[in-house]
């Protein structure tokens, strides 16, 4: 599970943008106490193609087994 800061870093966006995405239900997340946690596979669709290309064998690849 990723933090909102980790997601923001990965997507090169502001942490507040990640929080707004969660509030708008664009990005699924779970609350753990006061903190949000995001599953890596839920972030993958938002990862820019250039980053995807550099990690073709990563655990979030499109054909990864569920």
N, C-alpha and C. Protein backbone atom coordinates (compact mmCIF):
# COMPACT_ATOMS: atom_id res chain seq x y z
N UNK A 1 0.84 -1.17 0.00
CA UNK A 1 0.00 0.00 0.00
C UNK A 1 0.89 1.25 0.00
N UNK A 2 0.45 2.23 -0.74
CA UNK A 2 1.21 3.46 -0.89
C UNK A 2 0.57 4.59 -0.09
N UNK A 3 1.40 5.54 0.34
CA UNK A 3 0.88 6.73 0.99
C UNK A 3 0.52 7.76 -0.07
N UNK A 4 -0.20 8.80 0.34
CA UNK A 4 -0.53 9.86 -0.60
C UNK A 4 0.73 10.58 -1.08
N UNK A 5 1.73 10.69 -0.23
CA UNK A 5 3.00 11.31 -0.63
C UNK A 5 3.71 10.46 -1.67
N UNK A 6 3.72 9.15 -1.50
CA UNK A 6 4.36 8.27 -2.47
C UNK A 6 3.66 8.35 -3.83
N UNK A 7 2.34 8.38 -3.81
CA UNK A 7 1.58 8.49 -5.05
C UNK A 7 1.88 9.82 -5.73
N UNK A 8 1.90 10.89 -4.94
CA UNK A 8 2.20 12.21 -5.50
C UNK A 8 3.59 12.23 -6.15
N UNK A 9 4.57 11.63 -5.49
CA UNK A 9 5.92 11.57 -6.05
C UNK A 9 5.95 10.76 -7.34
N UNK A 10 5.28 9.63 -7.34
CA UNK A 10 5.27 8.77 -8.51
C UNK A 10 4.63 9.47 -9.71
N UNK A 11 3.55 10.19 -9.46
CA UNK A 11 2.82 10.84 -10.54
C UNK A 11 3.32 12.26 -10.83
N UNK A 12 4.27 12.72 -10.03
CA UNK A 12 4.82 14.09 -10.16
C UNK A 12 3.71 15.13 -10.04
N UNK A 13 2.88 14.93 -9.03
CA UNK A 13 1.81 15.89 -8.74
C UNK A 13 1.88 16.25 -7.26
N UNK A 14 1.11 17.23 -6.86
CA UNK A 14 1.06 17.67 -5.48
C UNK A 14 0.25 16.68 -4.65
N UNK A 15 0.62 16.50 -3.40
CA UNK A 15 -0.11 15.61 -2.49
C UNK A 15 -1.58 16.03 -2.37
N UNK A 16 -1.83 17.33 -2.38
CA UNK A 16 -3.21 17.82 -2.30
C UNK A 16 -4.03 17.36 -3.51
N UNK A 17 -3.40 17.25 -4.65
CA UNK A 17 -4.09 16.74 -5.85
C UNK A 17 -4.50 15.30 -5.65
N UNK A 18 -3.63 14.52 -5.04
CA UNK A 18 -3.94 13.12 -4.74
C UNK A 18 -5.15 13.06 -3.80
N UNK A 19 -5.15 13.90 -2.79
CA UNK A 19 -6.28 13.92 -1.85
C UNK A 19 -7.58 14.31 -2.55
N UNK A 20 -7.51 15.26 -3.47
CA UNK A 20 -8.72 15.64 -4.23
C UNK A 20 -9.19 14.48 -5.11
N UNK A 21 -8.25 13.75 -5.69
CA UNK A 21 -8.62 12.59 -6.52
C UNK A 21 -9.34 11.55 -5.67
N UNK A 22 -8.88 11.37 -4.44
CA UNK A 22 -9.53 10.43 -3.53
C UNK A 22 -10.93 10.94 -3.17
N UNK A 23 -11.04 12.21 -2.84
CA UNK A 23 -12.34 12.80 -2.48
C UNK A 23 -13.34 12.68 -3.62
N UNK A 24 -12.87 12.86 -4.88
CA UNK A 24 -13.76 12.76 -6.04
C UNK A 24 -13.99 11.31 -6.47
N UNK A 25 -13.40 10.39 -5.74
CA UNK A 25 -13.51 8.95 -6.02
C UNK A 25 -12.91 8.56 -7.37
N UNK A 26 -11.96 9.34 -7.84
CA UNK A 26 -11.22 9.00 -9.06
C UNK A 26 -10.12 7.99 -8.75
N UNK A 27 -9.64 8.00 -7.51
CA UNK A 27 -8.56 7.13 -7.08
C UNK A 27 -9.04 6.37 -5.84
N UNK A 28 -9.24 5.06 -5.95
CA UNK A 28 -9.68 4.28 -4.79
C UNK A 28 -8.61 4.33 -3.69
N UNK A 29 -9.05 4.46 -2.46
CA UNK A 29 -8.14 4.50 -1.32
C UNK A 29 -8.86 3.98 -0.09
N UNK A 30 -8.06 3.55 0.87
CA UNK A 30 -8.60 3.07 2.15
C UNK A 30 -8.03 3.92 3.26
N UNK A 31 -8.86 4.19 4.23
CA UNK A 31 -8.41 4.95 5.37
C UNK A 31 -7.88 4.02 6.45
N UNK A 32 -6.71 4.35 6.96
CA UNK A 32 -6.11 3.61 8.07
C UNK A 32 -5.88 4.65 9.16
N UNK A 33 -6.80 4.71 10.11
CA UNK A 33 -6.74 5.78 11.11
C UNK A 33 -7.02 7.11 10.42
N UNK A 34 -6.08 8.04 10.52
CA UNK A 34 -6.22 9.34 9.87
C UNK A 34 -5.55 9.37 8.51
N UNK A 35 -4.89 8.29 8.12
CA UNK A 35 -4.10 8.26 6.90
C UNK A 35 -4.79 7.51 5.78
N UNK A 36 -4.51 7.92 4.55
CA UNK A 36 -5.00 7.22 3.38
C UNK A 36 -3.94 6.28 2.86
N UNK A 37 -4.36 5.12 2.37
CA UNK A 37 -3.46 4.16 1.72
C UNK A 37 -4.07 3.80 0.38
N UNK A 38 -3.21 3.70 -0.63
CA UNK A 38 -3.66 3.45 -1.99
C UNK A 38 -2.94 2.21 -2.52
N UNK A 39 -3.70 1.30 -3.11
CA UNK A 39 -3.11 0.10 -3.69
C UNK A 39 -2.35 0.46 -4.96
N UNK A 40 -1.15 -0.09 -5.15
CA UNK A 40 -0.36 0.22 -6.34
C UNK A 40 -1.11 0.00 -7.64
N UNK A 41 -1.90 -1.04 -7.71
CA UNK A 41 -2.62 -1.34 -8.96
C UNK A 41 -3.68 -0.28 -9.28
N UNK A 42 -4.13 0.46 -8.26
CA UNK A 42 -5.09 1.54 -8.51
C UNK A 42 -4.40 2.80 -9.02
N UNK A 43 -3.11 2.91 -8.77
CA UNK A 43 -2.33 4.06 -9.23
C UNK A 43 -1.86 3.88 -10.67
N UNK A 44 -1.61 2.64 -11.06
CA UNK A 44 -1.01 2.33 -12.36
C UNK A 44 -1.70 3.01 -13.55
N UNK A 45 -3.02 3.08 -13.62
CA UNK A 45 -3.66 3.75 -14.75
C UNK A 45 -3.30 5.24 -14.87
N UNK A 46 -2.86 5.85 -13.78
CA UNK A 46 -2.51 7.27 -13.79
C UNK A 46 -1.03 7.51 -14.07
N UNK A 47 -0.23 6.44 -14.08
CA UNK A 47 1.21 6.58 -14.31
C UNK A 47 1.46 6.96 -15.77
N UNK A 48 2.24 8.01 -16.00
CA UNK A 48 2.51 8.44 -17.37
C UNK A 48 3.18 7.33 -18.19
N UNK A 49 2.88 7.26 -19.49
CA UNK A 49 3.45 6.22 -20.34
C UNK A 49 4.97 6.15 -20.30
N UNK A 50 5.64 7.27 -20.16
CA UNK A 50 7.11 7.26 -20.10
C UNK A 50 7.64 6.49 -18.92
N UNK A 51 6.94 6.58 -17.80
CA UNK A 51 7.36 5.82 -16.62
C UNK A 51 7.00 4.36 -16.80
N UNK A 52 5.84 4.08 -17.37
CA UNK A 52 5.45 2.68 -17.63
C UNK A 52 6.48 2.00 -18.52
N UNK A 53 6.96 2.71 -19.53
CA UNK A 53 7.91 2.13 -20.47
C UNK A 53 9.22 1.76 -19.78
N UNK A 54 9.59 2.49 -18.75
CA UNK A 54 10.84 2.18 -18.04
C UNK A 54 10.68 1.04 -17.05
N UNK A 55 9.45 0.59 -16.82
CA UNK A 55 9.22 -0.49 -15.85
C UNK A 55 8.29 -1.54 -16.45
N UNK A 56 8.66 -2.09 -17.61
CA UNK A 56 7.76 -3.03 -18.28
C UNK A 56 7.53 -4.32 -17.50
N UNK A 57 8.46 -4.70 -16.65
CA UNK A 57 8.31 -5.94 -15.89
C UNK A 57 7.88 -5.69 -14.45
N UNK A 58 7.46 -4.47 -14.17
CA UNK A 58 7.03 -4.13 -12.82
C UNK A 58 5.77 -4.86 -12.41
N UNK A 59 5.49 -4.89 -11.13
CA UNK A 59 4.33 -5.63 -10.64
C UNK A 59 3.00 -5.01 -11.04
N UNK A 60 3.02 -3.80 -11.62
CA UNK A 60 1.77 -3.17 -12.01
C UNK A 60 1.53 -3.25 -13.49
N UNK A 61 2.34 -4.01 -14.21
CA UNK A 61 2.17 -4.08 -15.67
C UNK A 61 0.76 -4.53 -16.01
N UNK A 62 0.32 -4.18 -17.20
CA UNK A 62 -1.06 -4.45 -17.61
C UNK A 62 -1.44 -5.92 -17.60
N UNK A 63 -0.48 -6.81 -17.89
CA UNK A 63 -0.80 -8.23 -17.96
C UNK A 63 -0.41 -8.99 -16.69
N UNK A 64 -0.14 -8.28 -15.60
CA UNK A 64 0.25 -8.93 -14.36
C UNK A 64 -0.90 -9.79 -13.84
N UNK A 65 -0.59 -10.99 -13.36
CA UNK A 65 -1.64 -11.84 -12.82
C UNK A 65 -2.25 -11.21 -11.57
N UNK A 66 -3.53 -11.40 -11.39
CA UNK A 66 -4.23 -10.82 -10.22
C UNK A 66 -4.07 -11.71 -9.02
